[in-house]
Amino acid sequence: MFRLSMILLLTTALVGLGPSACSTKEVVGGAAIGGAAYEYSNKRAMDELKEDYQSGRISNDEYQRRKNEIEGRSVIY
């Protein structure tokens, strides 16, 4: 939740710069694309983790530890 707040704060700050920096569409579009790419990376990591666990390559303890790491850096999970 803290990360989401920081993202929203940074986006608001960049939008507040006005026409001297970027247009609002560019800022919002860039933030959306950046956020989506970051979350896609987390989804891919979670999918690989599940596959490793289901195939028996990692233990339940390792699965839970790595899952918590991914959830900690993700807004969606």
PDB file of N, CA and C in Angstrom:
ATOM      1  N   MET A   1       0.821  -1.182   0.000  1.00  0.00           N
ATOM      2  CA  MET A   1       0.000   0.000   0.000  1.00  0.00           C
ATOM      3  C   MET A   1       0.872   1.255   0.000  1.00  0.00           C
ATOM      4  N   PHE A   2       1.994   1.189   0.708  1.00  0.00           N
ATOM      5  CA  PHE A   2       2.916   2.318   0.747  1.00  0.00           C
ATOM      6  C   PHE A   2       3.443   2.630  -0.647  1.00  0.00           C
ATOM      7  N   ARG A   3       3.755   1.586  -1.407  1.00  0.00           N
ATOM      8  CA  ARG A   3       4.291   1.793  -2.760  1.00  0.00           C
ATOM      9  C   ARG A   3       3.257   2.436  -3.669  1.00  0.00           C
ATOM     10  N   LEU A   4       2.021   2.005  -3.544  1.00  0.00           N
ATOM     11  CA  LEU A   4       0.960   2.607  -4.350  1.00  0.00           C
ATOM     12  C   LEU A   4       0.837   4.088  -4.006  1.00  0.00           C
ATOM     13  N   SER A   5       0.918   4.420  -2.730  1.00  0.00           N
ATOM     14  CA  SER A   5       0.852   5.822  -2.317  1.00  0.00           C
ATOM     15  C   SER A   5       2.004   6.624  -2.908  1.00  0.00           C
ATOM     16  N   MET A   6       3.192   6.031  -2.911  1.00  0.00           N
ATOM     17  CA  MET A   6       4.353   6.726  -3.467  1.00  0.00           C
ATOM     18  C   MET A   6       4.195   6.932  -4.972  1.00  0.00           C
ATOM     19  N   ILE A   7       3.684   5.936  -5.671  1.00  0.00           N
ATOM     20  CA  ILE A   7       3.469   6.057  -7.117  1.00  0.00           C
ATOM     21  C   ILE A   7       2.478   7.182  -7.398  1.00  0.00           C
ATOM     22  N   LEU A   8       1.385   7.198  -6.643  1.00  0.00           N
ATOM     23  CA  LEU A   8       0.387   8.244  -6.838  1.00  0.00           C
ATOM     24  C   LEU A   8       0.952   9.622  -6.502  1.00  0.00           C
ATOM     25  N   LEU A   9       1.755   9.712  -5.466  1.00  0.00           N
ATOM     26  CA  LEU A   9       2.368  10.978  -5.085  1.00  0.00           C
ATOM     27  C   LEU A   9       3.314  11.480  -6.167  1.00  0.00           C
ATOM     28  N   LEU A  10       4.142  10.589  -6.699  1.00  0.00           N
ATOM     29  CA  LEU A  10       5.068  10.985  -7.762  1.00  0.00           C
ATOM     30  C   LEU A  10       4.329  11.392  -9.031  1.00  0.00           C
ATOM     31  N   THR A  11       3.291  10.651  -9.363  1.00  0.00           N
ATOM     32  CA  THR A  11       2.507  10.995 -10.553  1.00  0.00           C
ATOM     33  C   THR A  11       1.861  12.367 -10.384  1.00  0.00           C
ATOM     34  N   THR A  12       1.312  12.620  -9.212  1.00  0.00           N
ATOM     35  CA  THR A  12       0.694  13.917  -8.940  1.00  0.00           C
ATOM     36  C   THR A  12       1.725  15.040  -9.013  1.00  0.00           C
ATOM     37  N   ALA A  13       2.911  14.794  -8.482  1.00  0.00           N
ATOM     38  CA  ALA A  13       3.961  15.804  -8.518  1.00  0.00           C
ATOM     39  C   ALA A  13       4.378  16.102  -9.953  1.00  0.00           C
ATOM     40  N   LEU A  14       4.511  15.079 -10.768  1.00  0.00           N
ATOM     41  CA  LEU A  14       4.897  15.290 -12.153  1.00  0.00           C
ATOM     42  C   LEU A  14       3.809  16.010 -12.943  1.00  0.00           C
ATOM     43  N   VAL A  15       2.560  15.684 -12.670  1.00  0.00           N
ATOM     44  CA  VAL A  15       1.456  16.358 -13.348  1.00  0.00           C
ATOM     45  C   VAL A  15       1.435  17.832 -12.946  1.00  0.00           C
ATOM     46  N   GLY A  16       1.787  18.115 -11.701  1.00  0.00           N
ATOM     47  CA  GLY A  16       1.787  19.487 -11.207  1.00  0.00           C
ATOM     48  C   GLY A  16       2.855  20.366 -11.840  1.00  0.00           C
ATOM     49  N   LEU A  17       3.816  19.784 -12.515  1.00  0.00           N
ATOM     50  CA  LEU A  17       4.853  20.584 -13.155  1.00  0.00           C
ATOM     51  C   LEU A  17       4.301  21.422 -14.299  1.00  0.00           C
ATOM     52  N   GLY A  18       3.185  21.002 -14.841  1.00  0.00           N
ATOM     53  CA  GLY A  18       2.525  21.774 -15.870  1.00  0.00           C
ATOM     54  C   GLY A  18       3.168  21.653 -17.233  1.00  0.00           C
ATOM     55  N   PRO A  19       2.845  22.598 -18.118  1.00  0.00           N
ATOM     56  CA  PRO A  19       3.306  22.521 -19.504  1.00  0.00           C
ATOM     57  C   PRO A  19       4.810  22.718 -19.679  1.00  0.00           C
ATOM     58  N   SER A  20       5.486  23.184 -18.645  1.00  0.00           N
ATOM     59  CA  SER A  20       6.923  23.394 -18.789  1.00  0.00           C
ATOM     60  C   SER A  20       7.688  22.081 -18.884  1.00  0.00           C
ATOM     61  N   ALA A  21       7.108  20.998 -18.402  1.00  0.00           N
ATOM     62  CA  ALA A  21       7.802  19.697 -18.450  1.00  0.00           C
ATOM     63  C   ALA A  21       7.164  18.831 -19.532  1.00  0.00           C
ATOM     64  N   CYS A  22       6.231  18.027 -19.170  1.00  0.00           N
ATOM     65  CA  CYS A  22       5.559  17.127 -20.116  1.00  0.00           C
ATOM     66  C   CYS A  22       4.067  17.391 -20.056  1.00  0.00           C
ATOM     67  N   SER A  23       3.381  16.951 -21.071  1.00  0.00           N
ATOM     68  CA  SER A  23       1.935  17.068 -21.017  1.00  0.00           C
ATOM     69  C   SER A  23       1.391  16.025 -20.053  1.00  0.00           C
ATOM     70  N   THR A  24       0.211  16.266 -19.563  1.00  0.00           N
ATOM     71  CA  THR A  24      -0.415  15.350 -18.613  1.00  0.00           C
ATOM     72  C   THR A  24      -0.573  13.963 -19.213  1.00  0.00           C
ATOM     73  N   LYS A  25      -0.925  13.896 -20.483  1.00  0.00           N
ATOM     74  CA  LYS A  25      -1.093  12.593 -21.139  1.00  0.00           C
ATOM     75  C   LYS A  25       0.219  11.815 -21.158  1.00  0.00           C
ATOM     76  N   GLU A  26       1.315  12.497 -21.419  1.00  0.00           N
ATOM     77  CA  GLU A  26       2.613  11.818 -21.457  1.00  0.00           C
ATOM     78  C   GLU A  26       3.001  11.289 -20.087  1.00  0.00           C
ATOM     79  N   VAL A  27       2.775  12.078 -19.066  1.00  0.00           N
ATOM     80  CA  VAL A  27       3.129  11.664 -17.711  1.00  0.00           C
ATOM     81  C   VAL A  27       2.285  10.481 -17.269  1.00  0.00           C
ATOM     82  N   VAL A  28       0.984  10.590 -17.445  1.00  0.00           N
ATOM     83  CA  VAL A  28       0.089   9.501 -17.039  1.00  0.00           C
ATOM     84  C   VAL A  28       0.361   8.255 -17.870  1.00  0.00           C
ATOM     85  N   GLY A  29       0.564   8.443 -19.153  1.00  0.00           N
ATOM     86  CA  GLY A  29       0.860   7.301 -20.023  1.00  0.00           C
ATOM     87  C   GLY A  29       2.160   6.624 -19.642  1.00  0.00           C
ATOM     88  N   GLY A  30       3.181   7.401 -19.355  1.00  0.00           N
ATOM     89  CA  GLY A  30       4.466   6.838 -18.950  1.00  0.00           C
ATOM     90  C   GLY A  30       4.367   6.098 -17.632  1.00  0.00           C
ATOM     91  N   ALA A  31       3.633   6.666 -16.680  1.00  0.00           N
ATOM     92  CA  ALA A  31       3.456   6.014 -15.380  1.00  0.00           C
ATOM     93  C   ALA A  31       2.686   4.710 -15.535  1.00  0.00           C
ATOM     94  N   ALA A  32       1.663   4.711 -16.370  1.00  0.00           N
ATOM     95  CA  ALA A  32       0.870   3.500 -16.574  1.00  0.00           C
ATOM     96  C   ALA A  32       1.699   2.404 -17.240  1.00  0.00           C
ATOM     97  N   ILE A  33       2.467   2.786 -18.244  1.00  0.00           N
ATOM     98  CA  ILE A  33       3.303   1.796 -18.948  1.00  0.00           C
ATOM     99  C   ILE A  33       4.378   1.251 -18.011  1.00  0.00           C
ATOM    100  N   GLY A  34       5.005   2.121 -17.255  1.00  0.00           N
ATOM    101  CA  GLY A  34       6.030   1.682 -16.311  1.00  0.00           C
ATOM    102  C   GLY A  34       5.467   0.760 -15.250  1.00  0.00           C
ATOM    103  N   GLY A  35       4.315   1.103 -14.698  1.00  0.00           N
ATOM    104  CA  GLY A  35       3.672   0.274 -13.683  1.00  0.00           C
ATOM    105  C   GLY A  35       3.250  -1.072 -14.238  1.00  0.00           C
ATOM    106  N   ALA A  36       2.714  -1.068 -15.453  1.00  0.00           N
ATOM    107  CA  ALA A  36       2.282  -2.320 -16.072  1.00  0.00           C
ATOM    108  C   ALA A  36       3.474  -3.235 -16.343  1.00  0.00           C
ATOM    109  N   ALA A  37       4.566  -2.671 -16.805  1.00  0.00           N
ATOM    110  CA  ALA A  37       5.760  -3.489 -17.073  1.00  0.00           C
ATOM    111  C   ALA A  37       6.299  -4.079 -15.775  1.00  0.00           C
ATOM    112  N   TYR A  38       6.286  -3.305 -14.717  1.00  0.00           N
ATOM    113  CA  TYR A  38       6.765  -3.778 -13.414  1.00  0.00           C
ATOM    114  C   TYR A  38       5.889  -4.905 -12.896  1.00  0.00           C
ATOM    115  N   GLU A  39       4.583  -4.747 -12.993  1.00  0.00           N
ATOM    116  CA  GLU A  39       3.665  -5.781 -12.517  1.00  0.00           C
ATOM    117  C   GLU A  39       3.719  -7.026 -13.405  1.00  0.00           C
ATOM    118  N   TYR A  40       3.948  -6.859 -14.691  1.00  0.00           N
ATOM    119  CA  TYR A  40       4.089  -8.024 -15.572  1.00  0.00           C
ATOM    120  C   TYR A  40       5.307  -8.839 -15.158  1.00  0.00           C
ATOM    121  N   SER A  41       6.365  -8.162 -14.790  1.00  0.00           N
ATOM    122  CA  SER A  41       7.568  -8.848 -14.313  1.00  0.00           C
ATOM    123  C   SER A  41       7.256  -9.644 -13.046  1.00  0.00           C
ATOM    124  N   ASN A  42       6.495  -9.056 -12.140  1.00  0.00           N
ATOM    125  CA  ASN A  42       6.109  -9.770 -10.916  1.00  0.00           C
ATOM    126  C   ASN A  42       5.215 -10.963 -11.224  1.00  0.00           C
ATOM    127  N   LYS A  43       4.311 -10.815 -12.175  1.00  0.00           N
ATOM    128  CA  LYS A  43       3.435 -11.932 -12.551  1.00  0.00           C
ATOM    129  C   LYS A  43       4.252 -13.070 -13.139  1.00  0.00           C
ATOM    130  N   ARG A  44       5.198 -12.737 -13.996  1.00  0.00           N
ATOM    131  CA  ARG A  44       6.056 -13.754 -14.601  1.00  0.00           C
ATOM    132  C   ARG A  44       6.864 -14.489 -13.527  1.00  0.00           C
ATOM    133  N   ALA A  45       7.384 -13.743 -12.565  1.00  0.00           N
ATOM    134  CA  ALA A  45       8.147 -14.349 -11.472  1.00  0.00           C
ATOM    135  C   ALA A  45       7.254 -15.272 -10.633  1.00  0.00           C
ATOM    136  N   MET A  46       6.015 -14.860 -10.388  1.00  0.00           N
ATOM    137  CA  MET A  46       5.088 -15.685  -9.612  1.00  0.00           C
ATOM    138  C   MET A  46       4.723 -16.951 -10.382  1.00  0.00           C
ATOM    139  N   ASP A  47       4.516 -16.835 -11.687  1.00  0.00           N
ATOM    140  CA  ASP A  47       4.206 -18.012 -12.506  1.00  0.00           C
ATOM    141  C   ASP A  47       5.364 -19.014 -12.499  1.00  0.00           C
ATOM    142  N   GLU A  48       6.589 -18.512 -12.622  1.00  0.00           N
ATOM    143  CA  GLU A  48       7.764 -19.389 -12.596  1.00  0.00           C
ATOM    144  C   GLU A  48       7.915 -20.050 -11.233  1.00  0.00           C
ATOM    145  N   LEU A  49       7.631 -19.298 -10.179  1.00  0.00           N
ATOM    146  CA  LEU A  49       7.712 -19.835  -8.831  1.00  0.00           C
ATOM    147  C   LEU A  49       6.711 -20.971  -8.634  1.00  0.00           C
ATOM    148  N   LYS A  50       5.477 -20.762  -9.086  1.00  0.00           N
ATOM    149  CA  LYS A  50       4.465 -21.811  -8.969  1.00  0.00           C
ATOM    150  C   LYS A  50       4.866 -23.063  -9.743  1.00  0.00           C
ATOM    151  N   GLU A  51       5.424 -22.856 -10.917  1.00  0.00           N
ATOM    152  CA  GLU A  51       5.869 -23.987 -11.735  1.00  0.00           C
ATOM    153  C   GLU A  51       6.994 -24.757 -11.032  1.00  0.00           C
ATOM    154  N   ASP A  52       7.945 -24.044 -10.447  1.00  0.00           N
ATOM    155  CA  ASP A  52       9.034 -24.695  -9.711  1.00  0.00           C
ATOM    156  C   ASP A  52       8.500 -25.497  -8.531  1.00  0.00           C
ATOM    157  N   TYR A  53       7.534 -24.940  -7.817  1.00  0.00           N
ATOM    158  CA  TYR A  53       6.963 -25.627  -6.657  1.00  0.00           C
ATOM    159  C   TYR A  53       6.181 -26.867  -7.082  1.00  0.00           C
ATOM    160  N   GLN A  54       5.358 -26.733  -8.106  1.00  0.00           N
ATOM    161  CA  GLN A  54       4.546 -27.860  -8.560  1.00  0.00           C
ATOM    162  C   GLN A  54       5.388 -28.988  -9.132  1.00  0.00           C
ATOM    163  N   SER A  55       6.525 -28.654  -9.705  1.00  0.00           N
ATOM    164  CA  SER A  55       7.394 -29.688 -10.268  1.00  0.00           C
ATOM    165  C   SER A  55       8.296 -30.311  -9.207  1.00  0.00           C
ATOM    166  N   GLY A  56       8.310 -29.747  -7.999  1.00  0.00           N
ATOM    167  CA  GLY A  56       9.103 -30.302  -6.910  1.00  0.00           C
ATOM    168  C   GLY A  56      10.533 -29.806  -6.861  1.00  0.00           C
ATOM    169  N   ARG A  57      10.858 -28.772  -7.634  1.00  0.00           N
ATOM    170  CA  ARG A  57      12.225 -28.241  -7.625  1.00  0.00           C
ATOM    171  C   ARG A  57      12.543 -27.429  -6.379  1.00  0.00           C
ATOM    172  N   ILE A  58      11.498 -26.912  -5.711  1.00  0.00           N
ATOM    173  CA  ILE A  58      11.709 -26.157  -4.476  1.00  0.00           C
ATOM    174  C   ILE A  58      10.758 -26.668  -3.396  1.00  0.00           C
ATOM    175  N   SER A  59      11.138 -26.467  -2.148  1.00  0.00           N
ATOM    176  CA  SER A  59      10.322 -26.912  -1.012  1.00  0.00           C
ATOM    177  C   SER A  59       9.209 -25.901  -0.738  1.00  0.00           C
ATOM    178  N   ASN A  60       8.295 -26.290   0.131  1.00  0.00           N
ATOM    179  CA  ASN A  60       7.206 -25.395   0.511  1.00  0.00           C
ATOM    180  C   ASN A  60       7.752 -24.162   1.228  1.00  0.00           C
ATOM    181  N   ASP A  61       8.761 -24.352   2.079  1.00  0.00           N
ATOM    182  CA  ASP A  61       9.353 -23.209   2.784  1.00  0.00           C
ATOM    183  C   ASP A  61       9.959 -22.201   1.804  1.00  0.00           C
ATOM    184  N   GLU A  62      10.696 -22.704   0.821  1.00  0.00           N
ATOM    185  CA  GLU A  62      11.298 -21.829  -0.194  1.00  0.00           C
ATOM    186  C   GLU A  62      10.209 -21.142  -1.017  1.00  0.00           C
ATOM    187  N   TYR A  63       9.159 -21.888  -1.355  1.00  0.00           N
ATOM    188  CA  TYR A  63       8.037 -21.326  -2.113  1.00  0.00           C
ATOM    189  C   TYR A  63       7.410 -20.167  -1.341  1.00  0.00           C
ATOM    190  N   GLN A  64       7.121 -20.367  -0.059  1.00  0.00           N
ATOM    191  CA  GLN A  64       6.488 -19.328   0.758  1.00  0.00           C
ATOM    192  C   GLN A  64       7.397 -18.107   0.905  1.00  0.00           C
ATOM    193  N   ARG A  65       8.696 -18.335   1.112  1.00  0.00           N
ATOM    194  CA  ARG A  65       9.632 -17.225   1.269  1.00  0.00           C
ATOM    195  C   ARG A  65       9.686 -16.366   0.016  1.00  0.00           C
ATOM    196  N   ARG A  66       9.832 -17.019  -1.135  1.00  0.00           N
ATOM    197  CA  ARG A  66       9.927 -16.269  -2.392  1.00  0.00           C
ATOM    198  C   ARG A  66       8.598 -15.631  -2.768  1.00  0.00           C
ATOM    199  N   LYS A  67       7.498 -16.305  -2.451  1.00  0.00           N
ATOM    200  CA  LYS A  67       6.169 -15.745  -2.719  1.00  0.00           C
ATOM    201  C   LYS A  67       5.974 -14.458  -1.920  1.00  0.00           C
ATOM    202  N   ASN A  68       6.390 -14.475  -0.659  1.00  0.00           N
ATOM    203  CA  ASN A  68       6.272 -13.269   0.175  1.00  0.00           C
ATOM    204  C   ASN A  68       7.127 -12.126  -0.361  1.00  0.00           C
ATOM    205  N   GLU A  69       8.298 -12.440  -0.916  1.00  0.00           N
ATOM    206  CA  GLU A  69       9.145 -11.409  -1.518  1.00  0.00           C
ATOM    207  C   GLU A  69       8.436 -10.752  -2.704  1.00  0.00           C
ATOM    208  N   ILE A  70       7.851 -11.577  -3.565  1.00  0.00           N
ATOM    209  CA  ILE A  70       7.147 -11.041  -4.742  1.00  0.00           C
ATOM    210  C   ILE A  70       5.949 -10.215  -4.306  1.00  0.00           C
ATOM    211  N   GLU A  71       5.179 -10.725  -3.339  1.00  0.00           N
ATOM    212  CA  GLU A  71       4.014  -9.987  -2.856  1.00  0.00           C
ATOM    213  C   GLU A  71       4.422  -8.663  -2.219  1.00  0.00           C
ATOM    214  N   GLY A  72       5.591  -8.628  -1.584  1.00  0.00           N
ATOM    215  CA  GLY A  72       6.060  -7.412  -0.933  1.00  0.00           C
ATOM    216  C   GLY A  72       6.417  -6.301  -1.894  1.00  0.00           C
ATOM    217  N   ARG A  73       6.828  -6.654  -3.110  1.00  0.00           N
ATOM    218  CA  ARG A  73       7.213  -5.622  -4.064  1.00  0.00           C
ATOM    219  C   ARG A  73       6.143  -5.361  -5.123  1.00  0.00           C
ATOM    220  N   SER A  74       4.995  -5.997  -4.973  1.00  0.00           N
ATOM    221  CA  SER A  74       3.928  -5.855  -5.960  1.00  0.00           C
ATOM    222  C   SER A  74       2.738  -5.101  -5.383  1.00  0.00           C
ATOM    223  N   VAL A  75       2.094  -4.337  -6.224  1.00  0.00           N
ATOM    224  CA  VAL A  75       0.871  -3.636  -5.821  1.00  0.00           C
ATOM    225  C   VAL A  75      -0.329  -4.566  -5.979  1.00  0.00           C
ATOM    226  N   ILE A  76      -0.286  -5.462  -6.944  1.00  0.00           N
ATOM    227  CA  ILE A  76      -1.424  -6.315  -7.258  1.00  0.00           C
ATOM    228  C   ILE A  76      -1.496  -7.544  -6.357  1.00  0.00           C
ATOM    229  N   TYR A  77      -0.390  -8.217  -6.135  1.00  0.00           N
ATOM    230  CA  TYR A  77      -0.411  -9.461  -5.349  1.00  0.00           C
ATOM    231  C   TYR A  77      -0.558  -9.208  -3.891  1.00  0.00           C
TER     232      TYR A  77
END
